[in-house]
């Protein structure tokens, strides 16, 4: 059973519109991809909608319009959350999956991601495959990572308050561990096998 909101067996009823939210480093993209595959729904990453190939962010009005067009579709899994569009996404969602993992787990994943990206940049530099100006995400510093942890703490409180609203409460599947996320995937697989 999910820690809050829908029970896992209730969550396996084949929702057509799923929003996956959580802290940076919590595993939103991985889980959203798995849910998309299990439920047979198209996957959209909000970061790909917002950022272009040169890592320039979209104008607010253009981003809101693009996300609005996506949410009007009949079926989707949306990975990510941006303040400007989150409530419009949540209103259209049939299921909101919140990866509300412990801070120590999110922090360890952020550190691991940082180290892996720094090694990858170093490998490309040694091979002469970089221009010296890596995209913003790849050149993130420790200060940026620590800032993300502080943002995670604020967002947890904010989401806890926002998602208690009656219009979201019955859609919410709050997962507090990777095991709970795996249970959600397995519940769908067992439903398909019946």
C-alpha atoms as a PDB file:
ATOM      1  CA  UNK A   1       0.000   0.000   0.000  1.00  0.00           C
ATOM      2  CA  UNK A   2       1.193   3.504  -0.726  1.00  0.00           C
ATOM      3  CA  UNK A   3       1.982   5.503   2.385  1.00  0.00           C
ATOM      4  CA  UNK A   4      -0.712   8.054   1.597  1.00  0.00           C
ATOM      5  CA  UNK A   5      -3.612   8.434  -0.789  1.00  0.00           C
ATOM      6  CA  UNK A   6      -4.454   5.527  -3.088  1.00  0.00           C
ATOM      7  CA  UNK A   7      -3.610   1.980  -2.133  1.00  0.00           C
ATOM      8  CA  UNK A   8      -1.331   0.275  -4.636  1.00  0.00           C
ATOM      9  CA  UNK A   9      -4.131  -2.055  -5.752  1.00  0.00           C
ATOM     10  CA  UNK A  10      -6.395   0.979  -6.313  1.00  0.00           C
ATOM     11  CA  UNK A  11      -3.573   2.667  -8.249  1.00  0.00           C
ATOM     12  CA  UNK A  12      -3.463  -0.212 -10.720  1.00  0.00           C
ATOM     13  CA  UNK A  13      -6.870   0.686 -12.233  1.00  0.00           C
ATOM     14  CA  UNK A  14      -5.168   2.019 -15.377  1.00  0.00           C
ATOM     15  CA  UNK A  15      -5.028   5.771 -14.970  1.00  0.00           C
ATOM     16  CA  UNK A  16      -4.542   7.552 -18.298  1.00  0.00           C
ATOM     17  CA  UNK A  17      -2.885  10.744 -16.993  1.00  0.00           C
ATOM     18  CA  UNK A  18      -0.074  10.405 -14.436  1.00  0.00           C
ATOM     19  CA  UNK A  19       2.093  13.155 -12.949  1.00  0.00           C
ATOM     20  CA  UNK A  20       5.384  12.073 -11.334  1.00  0.00           C
ATOM     21  CA  UNK A  21       6.870  14.609  -8.921  1.00  0.00           C
ATOM     22  CA  UNK A  22       9.649  14.668  -6.359  1.00  0.00           C
ATOM     23  CA  UNK A  23      12.985  16.184  -5.485  1.00  0.00           C
ATOM     24  CA  UNK A  24      15.870  16.419  -7.914  1.00  0.00           C
ATOM     25  CA  UNK A  25      17.664  13.092  -7.637  1.00  0.00           C
ATOM     26  CA  UNK A  26      14.676  11.149  -6.305  1.00  0.00           C
ATOM     27  CA  UNK A  27      14.302   9.063  -9.467  1.00  0.00           C
ATOM     28  CA  UNK A  28      11.345  10.780 -11.151  1.00  0.00           C
ATOM     29  CA  UNK A  29      12.620  10.201 -14.677  1.00  0.00           C
ATOM     30  CA  UNK A  30      13.335   6.513 -14.113  1.00  0.00           C
ATOM     31  CA  UNK A  31       9.984   5.859 -12.441  1.00  0.00           C
ATOM     32  CA  UNK A  32       8.068   7.907 -15.025  1.00  0.00           C
ATOM     33  CA  UNK A  33       9.692   5.861 -17.792  1.00  0.00           C
ATOM     34  CA  UNK A  34       8.746   2.617 -16.102  1.00  0.00           C
ATOM     35  CA  UNK A  35       5.158   3.772 -15.508  1.00  0.00           C
ATOM     36  CA  UNK A  36       4.920   4.882 -19.135  1.00  0.00           C
ATOM     37  CA  UNK A  37       6.080   1.464 -20.272  1.00  0.00           C
ATOM     38  CA  UNK A  38       3.871  -0.502 -17.835  1.00  0.00           C
ATOM     39  CA  UNK A  39       0.742   1.510 -18.532  1.00  0.00           C
ATOM     40  CA  UNK A  40       1.467   1.967 -22.252  1.00  0.00           C
ATOM     41  CA  UNK A  41       1.239   5.754 -22.023  1.00  0.00           C
ATOM     42  CA  UNK A  42       3.324   8.415 -23.788  1.00  0.00           C
ATOM     43  CA  UNK A  43       6.050   9.960 -21.638  1.00  0.00           C
ATOM     44  CA  UNK A  44       6.827  13.685 -21.535  1.00  0.00           C
ATOM     45  CA  UNK A  45       9.702  15.161 -19.536  1.00  0.00           C
ATOM     46  CA  UNK A  46       8.984  18.728 -18.485  1.00  0.00           C
ATOM     47  CA  UNK A  47      12.709  19.535 -18.550  1.00  0.00           C
ATOM     48  CA  UNK A  48      12.726  18.735 -22.269  1.00  0.00           C
ATOM     49  CA  UNK A  49       9.747  21.009 -22.792  1.00  0.00           C
ATOM     50  CA  UNK A  50      11.375  23.853 -20.839  1.00  0.00           C
ATOM     51  CA  UNK A  51      15.039  23.630 -21.929  1.00  0.00           C
ATOM     52  CA  UNK A  52      16.240  23.776 -25.526  1.00  0.00           C
ATOM     53  CA  UNK A  53      19.356  22.044 -26.916  1.00  0.00           C
ATOM     54  CA  UNK A  54      21.539  24.969 -25.806  1.00  0.00           C
ATOM     55  CA  UNK A  55      20.096  24.777 -22.267  1.00  0.00           C
ATOM     56  CA  UNK A  56      18.138  27.998 -22.651  1.00  0.00           C
ATOM     57  CA  UNK A  57      14.858  28.077 -20.758  1.00  0.00           C
ATOM     58  CA  UNK A  58      11.590  28.771 -22.539  1.00  0.00           C
ATOM     59  CA  UNK A  59       9.709  32.010 -22.057  1.00  0.00           C
ATOM     60  CA  UNK A  60       7.123  31.547 -19.295  1.00  0.00           C
ATOM     61  CA  UNK A  61       4.115  32.077 -21.566  1.00  0.00           C
ATOM     62  CA  UNK A  62       5.462  29.624 -24.180  1.00  0.00           C
ATOM     63  CA  UNK A  63       6.192  26.989 -21.537  1.00  0.00           C
ATOM     64  CA  UNK A  64       2.741  27.316 -19.960  1.00  0.00           C
ATOM     65  CA  UNK A  65       1.130  27.051 -23.401  1.00  0.00           C
ATOM     66  CA  UNK A  66       3.187  23.951 -24.331  1.00  0.00           C
ATOM     67  CA  UNK A  67       2.371  22.183 -21.065  1.00  0.00           C
ATOM     68  CA  UNK A  68      -1.299  23.113 -21.386  1.00  0.00           C
ATOM     69  CA  UNK A  69      -1.362  21.510 -24.834  1.00  0.00           C
ATOM     70  CA  UNK A  70       0.245  18.335 -23.438  1.00  0.00           C
ATOM     71  CA  UNK A  71      -2.193  18.052 -20.545  1.00  0.00           C
ATOM     72  CA  UNK A  72      -5.184  18.345 -22.878  1.00  0.00           C
ATOM     73  CA  UNK A  73      -4.210  15.032 -24.464  1.00  0.00           C
ATOM     74  CA  UNK A  74      -6.093  11.943 -23.352  1.00  0.00           C
ATOM     75  CA  UNK A  75      -3.096   9.998 -22.069  1.00  0.00           C
ATOM     76  CA  UNK A  76       0.333  10.824 -20.658  1.00  0.00           C
ATOM     77  CA  UNK A  77       2.944  10.404 -17.988  1.00  0.00           C
ATOM     78  CA  UNK A  78       4.506  13.769 -17.106  1.00  0.00           C
ATOM     79  CA  UNK A  79       7.900  13.708 -15.418  1.00  0.00           C
ATOM     80  CA  UNK A  80       8.706  16.765 -13.343  1.00  0.00           C
ATOM     81  CA  UNK A  81       7.219  19.782 -11.707  1.00  0.00           C
ATOM     82  CA  UNK A  82       7.517  23.476 -12.304  1.00  0.00           C
ATOM     83  CA  UNK A  83       5.632  25.903 -10.096  1.00  0.00           C
ATOM     84  CA  UNK A  84       4.112  27.754 -13.057  1.00  0.00           C
ATOM     85  CA  UNK A  85       2.315  24.641 -14.341  1.00  0.00           C
ATOM     86  CA  UNK A  86       2.085  22.119 -11.520  1.00  0.00           C
ATOM     87  CA  UNK A  87      -1.472  22.827 -10.419  1.00  0.00           C
ATOM     88  CA  UNK A  88      -2.815  22.749 -13.984  1.00  0.00           C
ATOM     89  CA  UNK A  89      -1.076  19.376 -14.425  1.00  0.00           C
ATOM     90  CA  UNK A  90      -2.409  18.054 -11.125  1.00  0.00           C
ATOM     91  CA  UNK A  91      -5.981  19.075 -11.970  1.00  0.00           C
ATOM     92  CA  UNK A  92      -5.845  17.029 -15.201  1.00  0.00           C
ATOM     93  CA  UNK A  93      -3.991  14.092 -13.620  1.00  0.00           C
ATOM     94  CA  UNK A  94      -5.786  10.939 -12.617  1.00  0.00           C
ATOM     95  CA  UNK A  95      -2.809   9.930 -10.477  1.00  0.00           C
ATOM     96  CA  UNK A  96      -0.111  12.051  -8.837  1.00  0.00           C
ATOM     97  CA  UNK A  97       2.912   9.973  -7.835  1.00  0.00           C
ATOM     98  CA  UNK A  98       5.009  11.842  -5.269  1.00  0.00           C
ATOM     99  CA  UNK A  99       8.467  10.428  -4.604  1.00  0.00           C
ATOM    100  CA  UNK A 100       8.818  11.717  -1.061  1.00  0.00           C
ATOM    101  CA  UNK A 101      12.002   9.888  -0.154  1.00  0.00           C
ATOM    102  CA  UNK A 102      14.134  10.557   2.941  1.00  0.00           C
ATOM    103  CA  UNK A 103      16.535  13.460   2.610  1.00  0.00           C
ATOM    104  CA  UNK A 104      19.590  11.217   3.135  1.00  0.00           C
ATOM    105  CA  UNK A 105      18.599   9.115   0.113  1.00  0.00           C
ATOM    106  CA  UNK A 106      18.006  12.128  -2.141  1.00  0.00           C
ATOM    107  CA  UNK A 107      21.300  13.675  -0.973  1.00  0.00           C
ATOM    108  CA  UNK A 108      23.270  10.499  -1.696  1.00  0.00           C
ATOM    109  CA  UNK A 109      21.749  10.295  -5.186  1.00  0.00           C
ATOM    110  CA  UNK A 110      22.611  13.944  -5.885  1.00  0.00           C
ATOM    111  CA  UNK A 111      26.203  13.375  -4.796  1.00  0.00           C
ATOM    112  CA  UNK A 112      26.456  10.251  -6.949  1.00  0.00           C
ATOM    113  CA  UNK A 113      24.990  12.098  -9.960  1.00  0.00           C
ATOM    114  CA  UNK A 114      27.412  15.002  -9.426  1.00  0.00           C
ATOM    115  CA  UNK A 115      30.433  12.681  -9.239  1.00  0.00           C
ATOM    116  CA  UNK A 116      29.332  10.687 -12.311  1.00  0.00           C
ATOM    117  CA  UNK A 117      28.856  13.845 -14.372  1.00  0.00           C
ATOM    118  CA  UNK A 118      32.202  15.284 -13.267  1.00  0.00           C
ATOM    119  CA  UNK A 119      33.921  12.031 -14.262  1.00  0.00           C
ATOM    120  CA  UNK A 120      32.141  12.023 -17.631  1.00  0.00           C
ATOM    121  CA  UNK A 121      33.224  15.613 -18.298  1.00  0.00           C
ATOM    122  CA  UNK A 122      36.800  14.749 -17.328  1.00  0.00           C
ATOM    123  CA  UNK A 123      36.755  11.707 -19.624  1.00  0.00           C
ATOM    124  CA  UNK A 124      35.499  13.815 -22.549  1.00  0.00           C
ATOM    125  CA  UNK A 125      38.062  16.535 -21.832  1.00  0.00           C
ATOM    126  CA  UNK A 126      40.880  13.981 -21.767  1.00  0.00           C
ATOM    127  CA  UNK A 127      39.615  12.614 -25.074  1.00  0.00           C
ATOM    128  CA  UNK A 128      39.457  16.143 -26.518  1.00  0.00           C
ATOM    129  CA  UNK A 129      35.687  15.928 -27.030  1.00  0.00           C
ATOM    130  CA  UNK A 130      34.640  19.102 -25.191  1.00  0.00           C
ATOM    131  CA  UNK A 131      34.816  22.753 -26.027  1.00  0.00           C
ATOM    132  CA  UNK A 132      35.362  23.734 -22.404  1.00  0.00           C
ATOM    133  CA  UNK A 133      31.847  25.126 -22.016  1.00  0.00           C
ATOM    134  CA  UNK A 134      29.687  22.317 -20.790  1.00  0.00           C
ATOM    135  CA  UNK A 135      25.895  22.740 -20.635  1.00  0.00           C
ATOM    136  CA  UNK A 136      24.580  24.190 -17.377  1.00  0.00           C
ATOM    137  CA  UNK A 137      23.453  20.884 -15.881  1.00  0.00           C
ATOM    138  CA  UNK A 138      26.850  19.274 -16.425  1.00  0.00           C
ATOM    139  CA  UNK A 139      28.872  22.090 -14.908  1.00  0.00           C
ATOM    140  CA  UNK A 140      26.876  22.228 -11.679  1.00  0.00           C
ATOM    141  CA  UNK A 141      28.934  22.971  -8.606  1.00  0.00           C
ATOM    142  CA  UNK A 142      28.626  21.659  -5.072  1.00  0.00           C
ATOM    143  CA  UNK A 143      26.968  24.976  -4.169  1.00  0.00           C
ATOM    144  CA  UNK A 144      24.240  24.282  -6.716  1.00  0.00           C
ATOM    145  CA  UNK A 145      23.740  20.759  -5.345  1.00  0.00           C
ATOM    146  CA  UNK A 146      23.493  22.004  -1.756  1.00  0.00           C
ATOM    147  CA  UNK A 147      20.987  24.601  -2.967  1.00  0.00           C
ATOM    148  CA  UNK A 148      18.924  21.796  -4.458  1.00  0.00           C
ATOM    149  CA  UNK A 149      18.858  20.017  -1.103  1.00  0.00           C
ATOM    150  CA  UNK A 150      17.619  23.188   0.587  1.00  0.00           C
ATOM    151  CA  UNK A 151      14.951  23.496  -2.111  1.00  0.00           C
ATOM    152  CA  UNK A 152      13.995  19.856  -1.530  1.00  0.00           C
ATOM    153  CA  UNK A 153      13.308  20.565   2.150  1.00  0.00           C
ATOM    154  CA  UNK A 154      11.099  23.567   1.262  1.00  0.00           C
ATOM    155  CA  UNK A 155       9.269  21.657  -1.490  1.00  0.00           C
ATOM    156  CA  UNK A 156       8.464  18.705   0.783  1.00  0.00           C
ATOM    157  CA  UNK A 157       6.653  20.996   3.192  1.00  0.00           C
ATOM    158  CA  UNK A 158       4.938  22.850   0.381  1.00  0.00           C
ATOM    159  CA  UNK A 159       3.838  19.670  -1.411  1.00  0.00           C
ATOM    160  CA  UNK A 160       2.635  18.122   1.816  1.00  0.00           C
ATOM    161  CA  UNK A 161       0.377  21.142   2.312  1.00  0.00           C
ATOM    162  CA  UNK A 162      -0.785  21.504  -1.324  1.00  0.00           C
ATOM    163  CA  UNK A 163      -1.478  17.831  -1.929  1.00  0.00           C
ATOM    164  CA  UNK A 164      -3.781  17.611   1.086  1.00  0.00           C
ATOM    165  CA  UNK A 165      -6.333  19.695  -0.824  1.00  0.00           C
ATOM    166  CA  UNK A 166      -9.521  17.705  -1.560  1.00  0.00           C
ATOM    167  CA  UNK A 167      -9.045  17.960  -5.332  1.00  0.00           C
ATOM    168  CA  UNK A 168      -5.662  16.180  -5.135  1.00  0.00           C
ATOM    169  CA  UNK A 169      -5.930  13.953  -2.064  1.00  0.00           C
ATOM    170  CA  UNK A 170      -7.763  11.118  -3.838  1.00  0.00           C
ATOM    171  CA  UNK A 171      -5.292  11.129  -6.745  1.00  0.00           C
ATOM    172  CA  UNK A 172      -2.167  11.034  -4.605  1.00  0.00           C
ATOM    173  CA  UNK A 173       0.178   8.069  -4.336  1.00  0.00           C
ATOM    174  CA  UNK A 174       2.934   9.147  -1.941  1.00  0.00           C
ATOM    175  CA  UNK A 175       5.945   6.847  -2.130  1.00  0.00           C
ATOM    176  CA  UNK A 176       8.455   7.129   0.690  1.00  0.00           C
ATOM    177  CA  UNK A 177      10.929   4.497  -0.455  1.00  0.00           C
ATOM    178  CA  UNK A 178      12.250   2.888  -3.645  1.00  0.00           C
ATOM    179  CA  UNK A 179      10.577  -0.320  -2.401  1.00  0.00           C
ATOM    180  CA  UNK A 180       7.179   1.402  -2.499  1.00  0.00           C
ATOM    181  CA  UNK A 181       7.908   2.554  -6.059  1.00  0.00           C
ATOM    182  CA  UNK A 182       8.759  -1.016  -7.011  1.00  0.00           C
ATOM    183  CA  UNK A 183       5.517  -2.213  -5.406  1.00  0.00           C
ATOM    184  CA  UNK A 184       3.583   0.220  -7.604  1.00  0.00           C
ATOM    185  CA  UNK A 185       5.252  -1.177 -10.741  1.00  0.00           C
ATOM    186  CA  UNK A 186       4.722  -4.760  -9.597  1.00  0.00           C
ATOM    187  CA  UNK A 187       1.038  -4.133  -8.837  1.00  0.00           C
ATOM    188  CA  UNK A 188       0.548  -3.030 -12.439  1.00  0.00           C
ATOM    189  CA  UNK A 189       2.442  -6.032 -13.785  1.00  0.00           C
ATOM    190  CA  UNK A 190       0.348  -8.416 -11.699  1.00  0.00           C
ATOM    191  CA  UNK A 191      -2.835  -6.706 -12.948  1.00  0.00           C
ATOM    192  CA  UNK A 192      -1.701  -7.199 -16.558  1.00  0.00           C
ATOM    193  CA  UNK A 193      -0.882 -10.867 -15.898  1.00  0.00           C
ATOM    194  CA  UNK A 194      -4.442 -11.640 -14.713  1.00  0.00           C
END
